[in-house]
Each structure stands twice: as C-alpha cells, then as structure tokens.
Amino acid sequence: MYAIEVLKNFAAAITDLMKYDETPLLAPTRLAEAHHLGQRLAELRQAYHLRQIDVAAKAGLSRSTAVLIEKGDPGRTLGQLLRYLHAIEPNVTLQALVEGNVAAVSSMNARNRTQRVRPLSDKQLKAIDF
C-alpha cells in the first residue's frame, strides 16, 4: 500500500516538473498573439455551436487543455492547436483563422452585431401618429 502511495506522489512530482510556463519567456506582443489565436478558436467553435468537451474529445485532448487553448496559453503545442482546429472544422486553415477569413465566424459576428436605429424626426413621428 505504501509503495502505491509513493508511486502516486512520484508521478505527481514528475507531472509538475513537465509543466513549463512559457509566459515569462515571450514578448508581450507574442502573448497577445497567442491570446488572439485562442479567441479566434473559441469564436470558431461557438459559430458551429459545438461544446468544448466534444471538440476536445474529437481532437484527443482533455477539456482543460481545450480551455487553455482558447485562453491563448502559450505552453500549448502547435500540434494541439492544429488538432483542435481540425476537430472544429477540417476545411479551415490556421492562416485563414488568423486572418479572420472564416465565413462561419463572420456570419456569427454579423448576427450578434447590434444595429443602431436612427431616431425619427418630428415630421416622421407626426406621420405615423395614430
């Protein structure tokens, strides 16, 4: 029983050592780009009305990794990002996503955009007055 506990502690320690924070090593502009890419992936997923857990499972990732990807965590690998993108929409390239050339996202943004209504003039108000 004690050996199992030791192995669990050892595995947890190794896992903690494997986690590597890239944040202090990156310039602020690169961190902003990573965050922007994560936002774009989240928008694409939402445009297709998909849940994070479903996309993560399809990509072979955990949901917590999907959350980190969409937050723009710079420690995620390029392979993870590409698998996540492919799980959402196989026909969208990373370049198109970064450039914002994805029809589904544009359509979603157009639907969600509030439209300003011009106030009517006094003459127009009198014309429709009952």
C-alpha atoms as a PDB file:
ATOM      1  CA  MET A   1       0.000   0.000   0.000  1.00  0.00           C
ATOM      2  CA  TYR A   2       2.854   2.344   0.875  1.00  0.00           C
ATOM      3  CA  ALA A   3       4.554   1.634  -2.458  1.00  0.00           C
ATOM      4  CA  ILE A   4       1.439   2.692  -4.365  1.00  0.00           C
ATOM      5  CA  GLU A   5       1.327   5.968  -2.430  1.00  0.00           C
ATOM      6  CA  VAL A   6       4.995   6.615  -3.188  1.00  0.00           C
ATOM      7  CA  LEU A   7       4.420   5.925  -6.894  1.00  0.00           C
ATOM      8  CA  LYS A   8       1.441   8.306  -6.975  1.00  0.00           C
ATOM      9  CA  ASN A   9       3.497  11.054  -5.324  1.00  0.00           C
ATOM     10  CA  PHE A  10       6.377  10.403  -7.716  1.00  0.00           C
ATOM     11  CA  ALA A  11       4.043  10.581 -10.739  1.00  0.00           C
ATOM     12  CA  ALA A  12       2.550  13.842  -9.462  1.00  0.00           C
ATOM     13  CA  ALA A  13       6.037  15.316  -8.958  1.00  0.00           C
ATOM     14  CA  ILE A  14       7.107  14.320 -12.478  1.00  0.00           C
ATOM     15  CA  THR A  15       3.927  15.802 -13.935  1.00  0.00           C
ATOM     16  CA  ASP A  16       4.584  19.085 -12.129  1.00  0.00           C
ATOM     17  CA  LEU A  17       8.141  19.164 -13.471  1.00  0.00           C
ATOM     18  CA  MET A  18       6.913  18.594 -17.016  1.00  0.00           C
ATOM     19  CA  LYS A  19       4.678  21.638 -16.862  1.00  0.00           C
ATOM     20  CA  TYR A  20       6.606  24.522 -18.278  1.00  0.00           C
ATOM     21  CA  ASP A  21       5.437  28.114 -18.238  1.00  0.00           C
ATOM     22  CA  GLU A  22       6.339  29.943 -21.444  1.00  0.00           C
ATOM     23  CA  THR A  23       4.829  33.255 -20.334  1.00  0.00           C
ATOM     24  CA  PRO A  24       7.966  34.896 -18.884  1.00  0.00           C
ATOM     25  CA  LEU A  25       9.980  33.973 -21.975  1.00  0.00           C
ATOM     26  CA  LEU A  26       7.691  35.617 -24.519  1.00  0.00           C
ATOM     27  CA  ALA A  27       7.441  39.238 -25.546  1.00  0.00           C
ATOM     28  CA  PRO A  28       4.117  40.938 -24.724  1.00  0.00           C
ATOM     29  CA  THR A  29       3.230  41.119 -28.419  1.00  0.00           C
ATOM     30  CA  ARG A  30       3.638  37.337 -28.755  1.00  0.00           C
ATOM     31  CA  LEU A  31       1.472  36.775 -25.675  1.00  0.00           C
ATOM     32  CA  ALA A  32      -1.184  38.998 -27.230  1.00  0.00           C
ATOM     33  CA  GLU A  33      -0.990  36.974 -30.461  1.00  0.00           C
ATOM     34  CA  ALA A  34      -1.424  33.723 -28.528  1.00  0.00           C
ATOM     35  CA  HIS A  35      -4.453  35.190 -26.741  1.00  0.00           C
ATOM     36  CA  HIS A  36      -5.890  36.396 -30.077  1.00  0.00           C
ATOM     37  CA  LEU A  37      -5.459  32.937 -31.623  1.00  0.00           C
ATOM     38  CA  GLY A  38      -7.252  31.384 -28.657  1.00  0.00           C
ATOM     39  CA  GLN A  39     -10.115  33.844 -29.060  1.00  0.00           C
ATOM     40  CA  ARG A  40     -10.389  33.021 -32.756  1.00  0.00           C
ATOM     41  CA  LEU A  41     -10.560  29.290 -31.990  1.00  0.00           C
ATOM     42  CA  ALA A  42     -13.260  29.909 -29.371  1.00  0.00           C
ATOM     43  CA  GLU A  43     -15.255  32.037 -31.845  1.00  0.00           C
ATOM     44  CA  LEU A  44     -14.992  29.344 -34.496  1.00  0.00           C
ATOM     45  CA  ARG A  45     -16.178  26.677 -32.070  1.00  0.00           C
ATOM     46  CA  GLN A  46     -19.098  28.847 -30.979  1.00  0.00           C
ATOM     47  CA  ALA A  47     -20.000  29.657 -34.587  1.00  0.00           C
ATOM     48  CA  TYR A  48     -20.537  25.934 -35.176  1.00  0.00           C
ATOM     49  CA  HIS A  49     -22.452  25.586 -31.881  1.00  0.00           C
ATOM     50  CA  LEU A  50     -20.010  23.000 -30.524  1.00  0.00           C
ATOM     51  CA  ARG A  51     -19.181  22.324 -26.889  1.00  0.00           C
ATOM     52  CA  GLN A  52     -15.584  22.426 -25.685  1.00  0.00           C
ATOM     53  CA  ILE A  53     -15.757  18.912 -24.295  1.00  0.00           C
ATOM     54  CA  ASP A  54     -16.968  17.493 -27.622  1.00  0.00           C
ATOM     55  CA  VAL A  55     -14.285  19.239 -29.665  1.00  0.00           C
ATOM     56  CA  ALA A  56     -11.609  18.282 -27.138  1.00  0.00           C
ATOM     57  CA  ALA A  57     -12.641  14.632 -27.249  1.00  0.00           C
ATOM     58  CA  LYS A  58     -12.634  14.656 -31.050  1.00  0.00           C
ATOM     59  CA  ALA A  59      -9.144  16.201 -31.020  1.00  0.00           C
ATOM     60  CA  GLY A  60      -7.878  13.698 -28.452  1.00  0.00           C
ATOM     61  CA  LEU A  61      -7.380  16.392 -25.798  1.00  0.00           C
ATOM     62  CA  SER A  62      -8.707  16.923 -22.318  1.00  0.00           C
ATOM     63  CA  ARG A  63     -11.265  19.654 -21.705  1.00  0.00           C
ATOM     64  CA  SER A  64      -8.766  21.501 -19.510  1.00  0.00           C
ATOM     65  CA  THR A  65      -6.360  21.603 -22.455  1.00  0.00           C
ATOM     66  CA  ALA A  66      -9.161  22.959 -24.643  1.00  0.00           C
ATOM     67  CA  VAL A  67      -9.785  25.692 -22.067  1.00  0.00           C
ATOM     68  CA  LEU A  68      -6.082  26.575 -22.089  1.00  0.00           C
ATOM     69  CA  ILE A  69      -6.016  26.643 -25.889  1.00  0.00           C
ATOM     70  CA  GLU A  70      -8.969  29.024 -26.010  1.00  0.00           C
ATOM     71  CA  LYS A  71      -7.404  31.224 -23.335  1.00  0.00           C
ATOM     72  CA  GLY A  72      -4.308  31.528 -25.505  1.00  0.00           C
ATOM     73  CA  ASP A  73      -1.910  29.669 -23.229  1.00  0.00           C
ATOM     74  CA  PRO A  74       1.491  29.857 -24.950  1.00  0.00           C
ATOM     75  CA  GLY A  75       2.514  26.492 -23.467  1.00  0.00           C
ATOM     76  CA  ARG A  76       0.192  24.555 -25.778  1.00  0.00           C
ATOM     77  CA  THR A  77       1.914  22.847 -28.684  1.00  0.00           C
ATOM     78  CA  LEU A  78       1.309  23.623 -32.323  1.00  0.00           C
ATOM     79  CA  GLY A  79       0.102  20.062 -32.772  1.00  0.00           C
ATOM     80  CA  GLN A  80      -2.550  20.539 -30.093  1.00  0.00           C
ATOM     81  CA  LEU A  81      -3.737  23.767 -31.731  1.00  0.00           C
ATOM     82  CA  LEU A  82      -3.928  22.149 -35.158  1.00  0.00           C
ATOM     83  CA  ARG A  83      -5.776  19.084 -33.840  1.00  0.00           C
ATOM     84  CA  TYR A  84      -8.250  21.353 -32.043  1.00  0.00           C
ATOM     85  CA  LEU A  85      -8.797  23.416 -35.197  1.00  0.00           C
ATOM     86  CA  HIS A  86      -9.242  20.256 -37.286  1.00  0.00           C
ATOM     87  CA  ALA A  87     -11.775  18.892 -34.784  1.00  0.00           C
ATOM     88  CA  ILE A  88     -13.852  22.056 -35.138  1.00  0.00           C
ATOM     89  CA  GLU A  89     -13.660  22.433 -38.923  1.00  0.00           C
ATOM     90  CA  PRO A  90     -11.276  20.343 -41.043  1.00  0.00           C
ATOM     91  CA  ASN A  91     -11.515  22.702 -44.040  1.00  0.00           C
ATOM     92  CA  VAL A  92     -10.326  25.841 -42.205  1.00  0.00           C
ATOM     93  CA  THR A  93      -6.609  26.567 -42.324  1.00  0.00           C
ATOM     94  CA  LEU A  94      -4.692  28.151 -39.498  1.00  0.00           C
ATOM     95  CA  GLN A  95      -3.826  31.049 -41.799  1.00  0.00           C
ATOM     96  CA  ALA A  96      -7.494  31.691 -42.621  1.00  0.00           C
ATOM     97  CA  LEU A  97      -8.336  31.584 -38.927  1.00  0.00           C
ATOM     98  CA  VAL A  98      -5.637  34.099 -38.009  1.00  0.00           C
ATOM     99  CA  GLU A  99      -6.578  36.415 -40.870  1.00  0.00           C
ATOM    100  CA  GLY A 100     -10.269  36.209 -39.956  1.00  0.00           C
ATOM    101  CA  ASN A 101     -11.294  34.751 -43.326  1.00  0.00           C
ATOM    102  CA  VAL A 102     -13.760  32.211 -41.943  1.00  0.00           C
ATOM    103  CA  ALA A 103     -17.318  32.549 -43.207  1.00  0.00           C
ATOM    104  CA  ALA A 104     -18.924  30.909 -40.160  1.00  0.00           C
ATOM    105  CA  VAL A 105     -17.298  33.374 -37.758  1.00  0.00           C
ATOM    106  CA  SER A 106     -18.173  36.357 -39.962  1.00  0.00           C
ATOM    107  CA  SER A 107     -21.770  35.185 -40.135  1.00  0.00           C
ATOM    108  CA  MET A 108     -21.958  34.732 -36.357  1.00  0.00           C
ATOM    109  CA  ASN A 109     -20.480  38.190 -35.758  1.00  0.00           C
ATOM    110  CA  ALA A 110     -22.963  39.751 -38.187  1.00  0.00           C
ATOM    111  CA  ARG A 111     -25.865  38.072 -36.364  1.00  0.00           C
ATOM    112  CA  ASN A 112     -24.592  39.240 -32.979  1.00  0.00           C
ATOM    113  CA  ARG A 113     -23.781  42.784 -34.046  1.00  0.00           C
ATOM    114  CA  THR A 114     -26.195  45.302 -32.637  1.00  0.00           C
ATOM    115  CA  GLN A 115     -27.627  47.680 -35.148  1.00  0.00           C
ATOM    116  CA  ARG A 116     -28.139  51.280 -34.304  1.00  0.00           C
ATOM    117  CA  VAL A 117     -31.588  52.585 -35.049  1.00  0.00           C
ATOM    118  CA  ARG A 118     -31.826  56.171 -36.203  1.00  0.00           C
ATOM    119  CA  PRO A 119     -34.332  58.238 -34.229  1.00  0.00           C
ATOM    120  CA  LEU A 120     -37.289  59.558 -36.189  1.00  0.00           C
ATOM    121  CA  SER A 121     -37.690  63.256 -36.893  1.00  0.00           C
ATOM    122  CA  ASP A 122     -40.708  65.199 -35.615  1.00  0.00           C
ATOM    123  CA  LYS A 123     -42.221  65.143 -39.116  1.00  0.00           C
ATOM    124  CA  GLN A 124     -41.845  61.361 -39.326  1.00  0.00           C
ATOM    125  CA  LEU A 125     -43.333  60.907 -35.852  1.00  0.00           C
ATOM    126  CA  LYS A 126     -46.373  63.002 -36.808  1.00  0.00           C
ATOM    127  CA  ALA A 127     -46.817  60.967 -39.995  1.00  0.00           C
ATOM    128  CA  ILE A 128     -47.140  57.712 -38.062  1.00  0.00           C
ATOM    129  CA  ASP A 129     -49.105  59.185 -35.125  1.00  0.00           C
ATOM    130  CA  PHE A 130     -52.478  57.493 -34.734  1.00  0.00           C
END
